C-alpha atoms as a PDB file:
ATOM      1  CA  UNK A   1      89.164  68.510 113.135  1.00  0.00           C
ATOM      2  CA  UNK A   2      87.856  64.805 114.464  1.00  0.00           C
ATOM      3  CA  UNK A   3      88.461  62.793 111.439  1.00  0.00           C
ATOM      4  CA  UNK A   4      91.793  63.759 109.663  1.00  0.00           C
ATOM      5  CA  UNK A   5      91.229  61.777 106.752  1.00  0.00           C
ATOM      6  CA  UNK A   6      88.630  64.509 105.162  1.00  0.00           C
ATOM      7  CA  UNK A   7      91.180  67.048 104.519  1.00  0.00           C
ATOM      8  CA  UNK A   8      93.668  67.760 103.717  1.00  0.00           C
ATOM      9  CA  UNK A   9      96.336  70.239 105.383  1.00  0.00           C
ATOM     10  CA  UNK A  10      99.466  72.409 102.741  1.00  0.00           C
ATOM     11  CA  UNK A  11     101.424  74.804 104.528  1.00  0.00           C
ATOM     12  CA  UNK A  12     102.651  76.030 101.306  1.00  0.00           C
ATOM     13  CA  UNK A  13     100.995  79.363 100.280  1.00  0.00           C
ATOM     14  CA  UNK A  14     100.783  79.259  96.490  1.00  0.00           C
ATOM     15  CA  UNK A  15      99.280  75.833  96.652  1.00  0.00           C
ATOM     16  CA  UNK A  16      96.551  77.099  98.779  1.00  0.00           C
ATOM     17  CA  UNK A  17      95.708  80.265  96.647  1.00  0.00           C
ATOM     18  CA  UNK A  18      95.589  78.002  93.193  1.00  0.00           C
ATOM     19  CA  UNK A  19      93.681  75.225  95.409  1.00  0.00           C
ATOM     20  CA  UNK A  20      90.765  77.839  96.859  1.00  0.00           C
ATOM     21  CA  UNK A  21      91.026  80.223  93.499  1.00  0.00           C
ATOM     22  CA  UNK A  22      90.191  76.796  91.983  1.00  0.00           C
ATOM     23  CA  UNK A  23      87.037  76.269  94.328  1.00  0.00           C
ATOM     24  CA  UNK A  24      88.130  73.974  96.587  1.00  0.00           C
ATOM     25  CA  UNK A  25      86.853  74.630 100.530  1.00  0.00           C
ATOM     26  CA  UNK A  26      88.631  76.040 102.896  1.00  0.00           C
ATOM     27  CA  UNK A  27      88.003  74.526 105.575  1.00  0.00           C
ATOM     28  CA  UNK A  28      90.061  76.112 108.417  1.00  0.00           C
ATOM     29  CA  UNK A  29      93.688  77.807 109.234  1.00  0.00           C
ATOM     30  CA  UNK A  30      95.965  75.691 112.097  1.00  0.00           C
ATOM     31  CA  UNK A  31      98.271  78.468 113.562  1.00  0.00           C
ATOM     32  CA  UNK A  32     101.427  76.628 114.419  1.00  0.00           C
ATOM     33  CA  UNK A  33     104.777  77.639 115.812  1.00  0.00           C
ATOM     34  CA  UNK A  34     103.287  80.527 117.815  1.00  0.00           C
ATOM     35  CA  UNK A  35     101.219  81.208 115.131  1.00  0.00           C
ATOM     36  CA  UNK A  36     104.232  82.157 113.028  1.00  0.00           C
ATOM     37  CA  UNK A  37     103.482  79.395 110.883  1.00  0.00           C
ATOM     38  CA  UNK A  38     100.061  78.353 109.690  1.00  0.00           C
ATOM     39  CA  UNK A  39      98.376  75.075 107.685  1.00  0.00           C
ATOM     40  CA  UNK A  40      95.614  75.675 105.440  1.00  0.00           C
ATOM     41  CA  UNK A  41      92.630  73.042 105.912  1.00  0.00           C
ATOM     42  CA  UNK A  42      91.016  72.073 102.567  1.00  0.00           C
ATOM     43  CA  UNK A  43      87.541  69.751 102.853  1.00  0.00           C
ATOM     44  CA  UNK A  44      88.965  66.908 101.201  1.00  0.00           C
ATOM     45  CA  UNK A  45      87.578  66.409  97.169  1.00  0.00           C
ATOM     46  CA  UNK A  46      88.530  64.385  94.769  1.00  0.00           C
ATOM     47  CA  UNK A  47      89.984  67.219  92.005  1.00  0.00           C
ATOM     48  CA  UNK A  48      92.939  68.150  94.718  1.00  0.00           C
ATOM     49  CA  UNK A  49      95.465  65.132  94.436  1.00  0.00           C
ATOM     50  CA  UNK A  50      94.889  65.880  90.328  1.00  0.00           C
ATOM     51  CA  UNK A  51      94.882  69.438  90.818  1.00  0.00           C
ATOM     52  CA  UNK A  52      98.213  69.277  93.014  1.00  0.00           C
ATOM     53  CA  UNK A  53     100.033  67.021  90.657  1.00  0.00           C
ATOM     54  CA  UNK A  54      98.722  69.641  87.715  1.00  0.00           C
ATOM     55  CA  UNK A  55     100.212  72.426  89.946  1.00  0.00           C
ATOM     56  CA  UNK A  56     103.634  70.791  90.698  1.00  0.00           C
ATOM     57  CA  UNK A  57     104.102  69.136  87.277  1.00  0.00           C
ATOM     58  CA  UNK A  58     102.113  70.848  84.359  1.00  0.00           C
ATOM     59  CA  UNK A  59     104.092  72.826  81.464  1.00  0.00           C
ATOM     60  CA  UNK A  60     104.013  76.238  82.337  1.00  0.00           C
ATOM     61  CA  UNK A  61     101.081  77.184  80.194  1.00  0.00           C
ATOM     62  CA  UNK A  62     100.000  73.898  80.146  1.00  0.00           C
ATOM     63  CA  UNK A  63      95.737  74.534  80.189  1.00  0.00           C
ATOM     64  CA  UNK A  64      95.532  72.628  83.302  1.00  0.00           C
ATOM     65  CA  UNK A  65      96.612  75.338  85.331  1.00  0.00           C
ATOM     66  CA  UNK A  66      95.333  78.601  83.888  1.00  0.00           C
ATOM     67  CA  UNK A  67      93.321  80.487  86.587  1.00  0.00           C
ATOM     68  CA  UNK A  68      91.779  83.911  85.621  1.00  0.00           C
ATOM     69  CA  UNK A  69      93.632  86.617  86.913  1.00  0.00           C
ATOM     70  CA  UNK A  70      90.568  87.650  88.706  1.00  0.00           C
ATOM     71  CA  UNK A  71      89.846  84.567  91.183  1.00  0.00           C
ATOM     72  CA  UNK A  72      93.869  84.413  91.840  1.00  0.00           C
ATOM     73  CA  UNK A  73      93.716  87.664  92.939  1.00  0.00           C
ATOM     74  CA  UNK A  74      90.720  87.106  95.035  1.00  0.00           C
ATOM     75  CA  UNK A  75      91.782  83.449  96.018  1.00  0.00           C
ATOM     76  CA  UNK A  76      95.548  85.769  97.261  1.00  0.00           C
ATOM     77  CA  UNK A  77      93.876  88.644  99.103  1.00  0.00           C
ATOM     78  CA  UNK A  78      90.825  86.540 101.023  1.00  0.00           C
ATOM     79  CA  UNK A  79      93.496  83.768 102.440  1.00  0.00           C
ATOM     80  CA  UNK A  80      95.750  86.686 103.725  1.00  0.00           C
ATOM     81  CA  UNK A  81      92.408  88.491 105.279  1.00  0.00           C
ATOM     82  CA  UNK A  82      91.706  85.200 106.610  1.00  0.00           C
ATOM     83  CA  UNK A  83      95.678  84.554 107.672  1.00  0.00           C
ATOM     84  CA  UNK A  84      95.580  88.608 109.746  1.00  0.00           C
ATOM     85  CA  UNK A  85      91.691  87.061 111.212  1.00  0.00           C
ATOM     86  CA  UNK A  86      92.540  85.685 114.722  1.00  0.00           C
ATOM     87  CA  UNK A  87      89.443  83.255 115.300  1.00  0.00           C
ATOM     88  CA  UNK A  88      89.418  81.633 112.346  1.00  0.00           C
END
């Protein structure tokens, strides 16, 4: 990736699933340590910092962290599929 400032990276699968379910665009999955560890790379978005803060610190039943169950399940499924692809 050319400009590292226009991407947000995380190795946290749960956070990546949350961001993906909230509509943040996944740009790539970087494979590290002989493909035993991956980093999810998202296109920078003005909402990312707020979403990360909400994910980490919002109250358990806070409206800001609520995600439709179908969207979250779809996000998890899509990310896992991309993890197992060899050329994503």
